[in-house]
Amino acid sequence: MREFQSVPVGDGGIDIQAILRGSRVPHSGYSAEVGGKPVRIGVSQRSVDDDGTFVPATGNSMLGFIVTDSVLQPSTAINVVRHAAPINLGPVYIYVPDLEETWSRYLVAAFFSGSGTMIEAPQDFDWRKYSNMFRDFSVFRADKIRGSLLPVYRSLNRDFYQPYMDRRGRFWKMCVTVPLESSGLGETFAATLGALSRRSAIRSDVRALALEWLYGGIVRFSFQRILEQRYFQLEIEIPSTNQMTFGRFFLPGGGPMVREPTQFAAGLVSWLYEASAASYSLSGTEVLSEEVESPPL
């Protein structure tokens, strides 16, 4: 690999600490060369406190380096990023569809604590949330320059994947009132509870407090908008096993027929996310804090 010509923002190449402090990252990225061919490195910063169990879980970031424009081996893509930025003191991670093939687009990730120190990704990190691929992928870890790549994650091939399915990320503790066993709502209620309790599933300032079965197929979702310390409740209809089997239930907003619990849970979270853009209450009703049973943090 040739020494490339980067567009540095610091003496050591890409200025990681400046980016972590909030400096603007040029959309054009950073230029490099590998074997006389141009390579471009784009950079993004994401707050990831809710996407895995970090210690402490305050101020942790993932820097994503998008390597494009040339067909490279995965190990070469990692080396390009390591030479472009001072990230040789900790592990880096790479998303690949297949480790044995070459590709023209890679995502290389590095993790930093709030103090700017490189850290490891937690075992329950939600890799899929930040994937730039529409197909199945794996994530590999590299601990040192030209070292071996170790597998850390293989994406799940599920139509309605949500991170709660394999317990990835952090979850709110919630007060729960489960439906009667004879209601046929058990599987859907469990999927809904898992999806709503995932932190940042709807918005980062929405804290899920309770999910209570009321009657029939109706459950009540209680939540708090954290920044304003306001409380809301929303009644939701969930499908029974019988309704899903015979195609008698549709997603909120006139979506497709619901055929399985995970489809409903994924559709519900998506609908609430969209509703949050138009309604601070998610189309629910504001209540007093004492009207909501709140679990401990």
Protein backbone atom coordinates (compact mmCIF):
# COMPACT_ATOMS: atom_id res chain seq x y z
CA MET A 1 0.00 0.00 0.00
CA ARG A 2 1.36 3.39 -0.97
CA GLU A 3 1.53 6.28 1.42
CA PHE A 4 -1.67 8.11 0.56
CA GLN A 5 -2.34 11.82 0.28
CA SER A 6 -5.03 12.68 2.84
CA VAL A 7 -6.79 15.92 3.52
CA PRO A 8 -5.99 16.22 7.23
CA VAL A 9 -7.60 18.51 9.75
CA GLY A 10 -4.83 17.93 12.27
CA ASP A 11 -1.15 17.07 12.42
CA GLY A 12 -1.94 13.35 12.72
CA GLY A 13 -4.42 13.19 9.85
CA ILE A 14 -8.14 13.13 10.55
CA ASP A 15 -8.57 15.05 13.78
CA ILE A 16 -10.56 12.59 15.86
CA GLN A 17 -10.71 14.71 18.99
CA ALA A 18 -12.01 17.74 17.09
CA ILE A 19 -14.77 15.59 15.58
CA LEU A 20 -15.69 14.21 19.00
CA ARG A 21 -15.95 17.79 20.28
CA GLY A 22 -18.50 18.54 17.58
CA SER A 23 -16.43 20.01 14.74
CA ARG A 24 -18.07 19.92 11.36
CA VAL A 25 -16.98 17.05 9.09
CA PRO A 26 -16.65 18.02 5.37
CA HIS A 27 -19.13 16.15 3.19
CA SER A 28 -16.40 15.54 0.62
CA GLY A 29 -14.53 13.38 3.10
CA TYR A 30 -10.82 12.70 3.07
CA SER A 31 -8.72 11.66 0.07
CA ALA A 32 -6.29 8.76 0.02
CA GLU A 33 -4.47 6.51 -2.46
CA VAL A 34 -4.02 2.75 -2.50
CA GLY A 35 -1.85 1.31 -5.26
CA GLY A 36 -2.18 4.53 -7.23
CA LYS A 37 -5.99 4.44 -7.08
CA PRO A 38 -8.07 7.05 -5.23
CA VAL A 39 -9.89 6.17 -2.02
CA ARG A 40 -12.32 8.43 -0.21
CA ILE A 41 -13.04 8.26 3.52
CA GLY A 42 -16.23 9.84 4.83
CA VAL A 43 -16.71 10.26 8.57
CA SER A 44 -19.81 10.24 10.75
CA GLN A 45 -20.29 10.53 14.49
CA ARG A 46 -23.13 8.85 16.41
CA SER A 47 -24.07 8.92 20.08
CA VAL A 48 -24.46 5.25 21.03
CA ASP A 49 -25.24 5.22 24.77
CA ASP A 50 -28.60 3.52 24.16
CA ASP A 51 -27.24 1.01 21.65
CA GLY A 52 -25.28 -1.16 24.09
CA THR A 53 -24.21 -1.46 27.71
CA PHE A 54 -21.34 0.99 27.92
CA VAL A 55 -19.56 1.68 31.22
CA PRO A 56 -20.25 4.40 32.06
CA ALA A 57 -23.16 4.95 29.69
CA THR A 58 -22.69 8.69 29.22
CA GLY A 59 -21.14 10.41 26.25
CA ASN A 60 -19.98 7.38 24.27
CA SER A 61 -19.63 7.78 20.50
CA MET A 62 -19.12 5.66 17.43
CA LEU A 63 -17.11 7.15 14.58
CA GLY A 64 -17.98 5.53 11.28
CA PHE A 65 -15.45 5.70 8.44
CA ILE A 66 -17.01 5.03 5.02
CA VAL A 67 -14.29 3.77 2.66
CA THR A 68 -15.30 4.03 -1.03
CA ASP A 69 -14.19 4.51 -4.64
CA SER A 70 -11.77 1.55 -4.92
CA VAL A 71 -12.16 -2.23 -4.70
CA LEU A 72 -10.22 -3.36 -1.63
CA GLN A 73 -9.71 -6.30 0.68
CA PRO A 74 -11.34 -5.79 4.11
CA SER A 75 -7.95 -5.74 5.83
CA THR A 76 -6.72 -3.09 3.38
CA ALA A 77 -9.76 -0.90 4.10
CA ILE A 78 -8.93 -1.08 7.82
CA ASN A 79 -5.31 -0.17 7.18
CA VAL A 80 -6.38 2.82 5.07
CA VAL A 81 -8.44 4.15 7.97
CA ARG A 82 -5.71 3.45 10.53
CA HIS A 83 -3.22 5.43 8.43
CA ALA A 84 -5.69 8.27 7.91
CA ALA A 85 -6.66 8.71 11.55
CA PRO A 86 -4.97 8.18 14.93
CA ILE A 87 -6.95 5.09 15.92
CA ASN A 88 -4.10 2.64 16.51
CA LEU A 89 -4.54 2.45 20.28
CA GLY A 90 -7.73 0.41 20.34
CA PRO A 91 -9.88 -2.05 18.39
CA VAL A 92 -11.66 -1.13 15.18
CA TYR A 93 -14.56 -2.96 13.57
CA ILE A 94 -15.52 -3.53 9.95
CA TYR A 95 -18.86 -4.39 8.32
CA VAL A 96 -18.54 -6.87 5.44
CA PRO A 97 -20.99 -9.02 3.44
CA ASP A 98 -18.27 -11.67 2.94
CA LEU A 99 -14.76 -11.59 4.38
CA GLU A 100 -13.31 -13.63 1.50
CA GLU A 101 -14.33 -11.18 -1.25
CA THR A 102 -13.32 -7.66 -2.22
CA TRP A 103 -15.73 -4.71 -2.12
CA SER A 104 -15.82 -1.06 -3.12
CA ARG A 105 -17.63 0.16 0.02
CA TYR A 106 -16.85 -0.54 3.66
CA LEU A 107 -17.91 0.80 7.01
CA VAL A 108 -15.11 0.82 9.58
CA ALA A 109 -16.12 1.76 13.14
CA ALA A 110 -14.23 2.92 16.21
CA PHE A 111 -15.69 3.66 19.65
CA PHE A 112 -14.78 6.44 22.08
CA SER A 113 -15.74 7.28 25.65
CA GLY A 114 -16.86 10.73 26.71
CA SER A 115 -13.22 11.53 27.59
CA GLY A 116 -12.09 10.76 24.03
CA THR A 117 -10.38 7.46 24.85
CA MET A 118 -10.83 4.52 22.48
CA ILE A 119 -12.95 1.73 23.96
CA GLU A 120 -14.35 -1.65 22.96
CA ALA A 121 -17.84 -2.13 21.60
CA PRO A 122 -20.03 -3.89 24.20
CA GLN A 123 -21.19 -7.43 23.48
CA ASP A 124 -24.81 -6.31 23.20
CA PHE A 125 -24.13 -3.48 20.74
CA ASP A 126 -26.81 -2.99 18.09
CA TRP A 127 -24.65 -3.32 14.98
CA ARG A 128 -27.57 -3.41 12.60
CA LYS A 129 -28.76 0.07 13.58
CA TYR A 130 -25.74 1.64 11.90
CA SER A 131 -25.28 -0.78 8.99
CA ASN A 132 -25.03 0.73 5.53
CA MET A 133 -25.96 -2.59 3.88
CA PHE A 134 -29.29 -3.92 2.66
CA ARG A 135 -28.15 -7.54 2.73
CA ASP A 136 -26.86 -9.88 5.42
CA PHE A 137 -23.51 -8.86 6.86
CA SER A 138 -20.92 -9.71 9.48
CA VAL A 139 -18.85 -7.48 11.73
CA PHE A 140 -15.20 -8.29 12.40
CA ARG A 141 -12.81 -6.85 14.96
CA ALA A 142 -9.18 -5.88 14.34
CA ASP A 143 -7.03 -5.27 17.42
CA LYS A 144 -3.81 -4.17 15.77
CA ILE A 145 -2.34 -3.19 12.41
CA ARG A 146 -2.21 -6.16 10.03
CA GLY A 147 -3.63 -8.41 12.73
CA SER A 148 -6.24 -11.12 12.17
CA LEU A 149 -9.93 -10.24 11.89
CA LEU A 150 -12.13 -11.82 14.56
CA PRO A 151 -15.91 -12.22 14.05
CA VAL A 152 -18.09 -10.42 16.60
CA TYR A 153 -21.55 -10.35 14.97
CA ARG A 154 -23.58 -11.97 12.20
CA SER A 155 -26.79 -10.22 11.17
CA LEU A 156 -30.08 -12.00 11.72
CA ASN A 157 -32.05 -12.85 8.62
CA ARG A 158 -35.48 -11.82 9.91
CA ASP A 159 -38.09 -9.88 7.98
CA PHE A 160 -39.10 -7.73 10.94
CA TYR A 161 -35.89 -7.60 12.93
CA GLN A 162 -35.91 -5.41 16.02
CA PRO A 163 -32.88 -5.19 18.32
CA TYR A 164 -34.91 -6.47 21.27
CA MET A 165 -35.10 -9.89 19.55
CA ASP A 166 -31.55 -10.71 20.56
CA ARG A 167 -31.36 -8.27 23.49
CA ARG A 168 -29.12 -5.72 21.80
CA GLY A 169 -28.93 -2.25 23.31
CA ARG A 170 -30.32 -0.94 26.59
CA PHE A 171 -33.87 -1.31 27.81
CA TRP A 172 -36.18 0.58 30.13
CA LYS A 173 -37.62 -1.20 33.14
CA MET A 174 -41.41 -1.12 32.77
CA CYS A 175 -44.44 -1.84 34.93
CA VAL A 176 -46.42 -4.60 33.23
CA THR A 177 -49.95 -5.98 33.45
CA VAL A 178 -50.13 -9.04 31.20
CA PRO A 179 -53.31 -10.19 29.39
CA LEU A 180 -55.22 -13.29 30.40
CA GLU A 181 -53.72 -16.50 29.06
CA SER A 182 -57.01 -17.28 27.31
CA SER A 183 -56.96 -13.98 25.38
CA GLY A 184 -54.59 -15.20 22.66
CA LEU A 185 -52.63 -11.94 23.03
CA GLY A 186 -49.58 -13.37 24.82
CA GLU A 187 -47.09 -13.50 21.95
CA THR A 188 -48.07 -10.11 20.57
CA PHE A 189 -48.00 -8.51 24.03
CA ALA A 190 -44.48 -9.89 24.64
CA ALA A 191 -43.25 -8.61 21.26
CA THR A 192 -44.82 -5.20 21.88
CA LEU A 193 -43.29 -4.97 25.36
CA GLY A 194 -39.85 -5.85 24.02
CA ALA A 195 -40.06 -3.31 21.21
CA LEU A 196 -41.37 -0.41 23.32
CA SER A 197 -38.92 -1.01 26.18
CA ARG A 198 -35.86 -0.63 23.92
CA ARG A 199 -34.32 2.76 24.71
CA SER A 200 -34.50 5.25 21.82
CA ALA A 201 -36.83 2.92 19.92
CA ILE A 202 -39.19 5.87 19.38
CA ARG A 203 -37.21 8.95 20.40
CA SER A 204 -34.20 9.40 22.65
CA ASP A 205 -36.25 11.46 25.12
CA VAL A 206 -39.16 9.01 25.33
CA ARG A 207 -38.93 6.88 28.47
CA ALA A 208 -41.26 3.86 28.44
CA LEU A 209 -42.93 3.46 31.85
CA ALA A 210 -45.72 0.89 31.67
CA LEU A 211 -47.62 -1.45 29.37
CA GLU A 212 -50.93 -2.61 30.84
CA TRP A 213 -53.59 -4.89 29.43
CA LEU A 214 -57.00 -3.27 29.95
CA TYR A 215 -59.63 -5.42 28.20
CA GLY A 216 -60.13 -7.30 24.95
CA GLY A 217 -57.22 -6.42 22.67
CA ILE A 218 -56.62 -3.00 24.25
CA VAL A 219 -53.40 -2.17 26.12
CA ARG A 220 -52.29 1.13 27.62
CA PHE A 221 -48.79 2.44 27.01
CA SER A 222 -47.51 5.02 29.52
CA PHE A 223 -44.40 7.08 28.81
CA GLN A 224 -42.53 10.20 29.80
CA ARG A 225 -41.00 12.90 27.65
CA ILE A 226 -37.79 13.18 29.65
CA LEU A 227 -36.66 16.72 28.81
CA GLU A 228 -39.97 18.34 29.78
CA GLN A 229 -40.86 15.86 32.56
CA ARG A 230 -44.34 15.38 31.10
CA TYR A 231 -46.33 12.15 31.17
CA PHE A 232 -48.65 10.63 28.58
CA GLN A 233 -50.77 7.55 28.04
CA LEU A 234 -51.83 5.96 24.79
CA GLU A 235 -54.29 3.14 24.25
CA ILE A 236 -53.25 0.66 21.58
CA GLU A 237 -55.07 -2.28 20.03
CA ILE A 238 -52.93 -5.38 19.58
CA PRO A 239 -53.84 -8.48 17.52
CA SER A 240 -54.60 -11.93 18.87
CA THR A 241 -53.17 -15.12 17.40
CA ASN A 242 -56.55 -15.79 15.77
CA GLN A 243 -56.67 -12.38 14.10
CA MET A 244 -53.16 -12.79 12.69
CA THR A 245 -53.87 -16.32 11.44
CA PHE A 246 -56.91 -15.24 9.44
CA GLY A 247 -55.64 -11.82 8.34
CA ARG A 248 -58.14 -9.79 10.30
CA PHE A 249 -55.82 -7.15 11.70
CA PHE A 250 -54.06 -4.24 10.05
CA LEU A 251 -51.16 -2.10 11.27
CA PRO A 252 -51.99 1.41 12.54
CA GLY A 253 -52.46 3.93 9.77
CA GLY A 254 -53.87 1.42 7.30
CA GLY A 255 -50.73 -0.64 6.80
CA PRO A 256 -50.53 -4.25 5.61
CA MET A 257 -52.28 -7.15 7.31
CA VAL A 258 -50.48 -8.39 10.40
CA ARG A 259 -49.33 -12.00 10.15
CA GLU A 260 -46.91 -12.34 13.07
CA PRO A 261 -46.20 -10.62 16.41
CA THR A 262 -42.81 -9.24 15.39
CA GLN A 263 -44.35 -7.61 12.31
CA PHE A 264 -46.86 -5.82 14.52
CA ALA A 265 -44.19 -4.71 17.02
CA ALA A 266 -41.92 -3.36 14.28
CA GLY A 267 -44.83 -1.58 12.60
CA LEU A 268 -46.05 -0.09 15.88
CA VAL A 269 -42.63 1.39 16.73
CA SER A 270 -42.37 2.82 13.22
CA TRP A 271 -45.84 4.37 13.51
CA LEU A 272 -45.06 5.91 16.91
CA TYR A 273 -41.81 7.32 15.56
CA GLU A 274 -43.70 9.00 12.74
CA ALA A 275 -46.42 10.20 15.14
CA SER A 276 -43.78 11.78 17.39
CA ALA A 277 -42.78 14.12 14.57
CA ALA A 278 -46.29 15.59 14.44
CA SER A 279 -47.44 15.15 18.04
CA TYR A 280 -45.46 15.66 21.24
CA SER A 281 -47.88 13.25 22.94
CA LEU A 282 -47.63 10.63 20.17
CA SER A 283 -51.40 11.22 19.77
CA GLY A 284 -51.93 10.16 23.39
CA THR A 285 -53.34 11.98 26.43
CA GLU A 286 -51.30 13.93 28.96
CA VAL A 287 -51.67 12.78 32.56
CA LEU A 288 -50.26 13.71 35.95
CA SER A 289 -47.16 11.88 37.15
CA GLU A 290 -49.06 10.31 40.05
CA GLU A 291 -51.45 8.68 37.58
CA VAL A 292 -48.62 6.61 36.13
CA GLU A 293 -46.95 3.73 37.92
CA SER A 294 -43.26 4.37 37.36
CA PRO A 295 -40.62 1.64 37.76
CA PRO A 296 -37.18 2.46 39.19
CA LEU A 297 -34.52 3.66 36.75
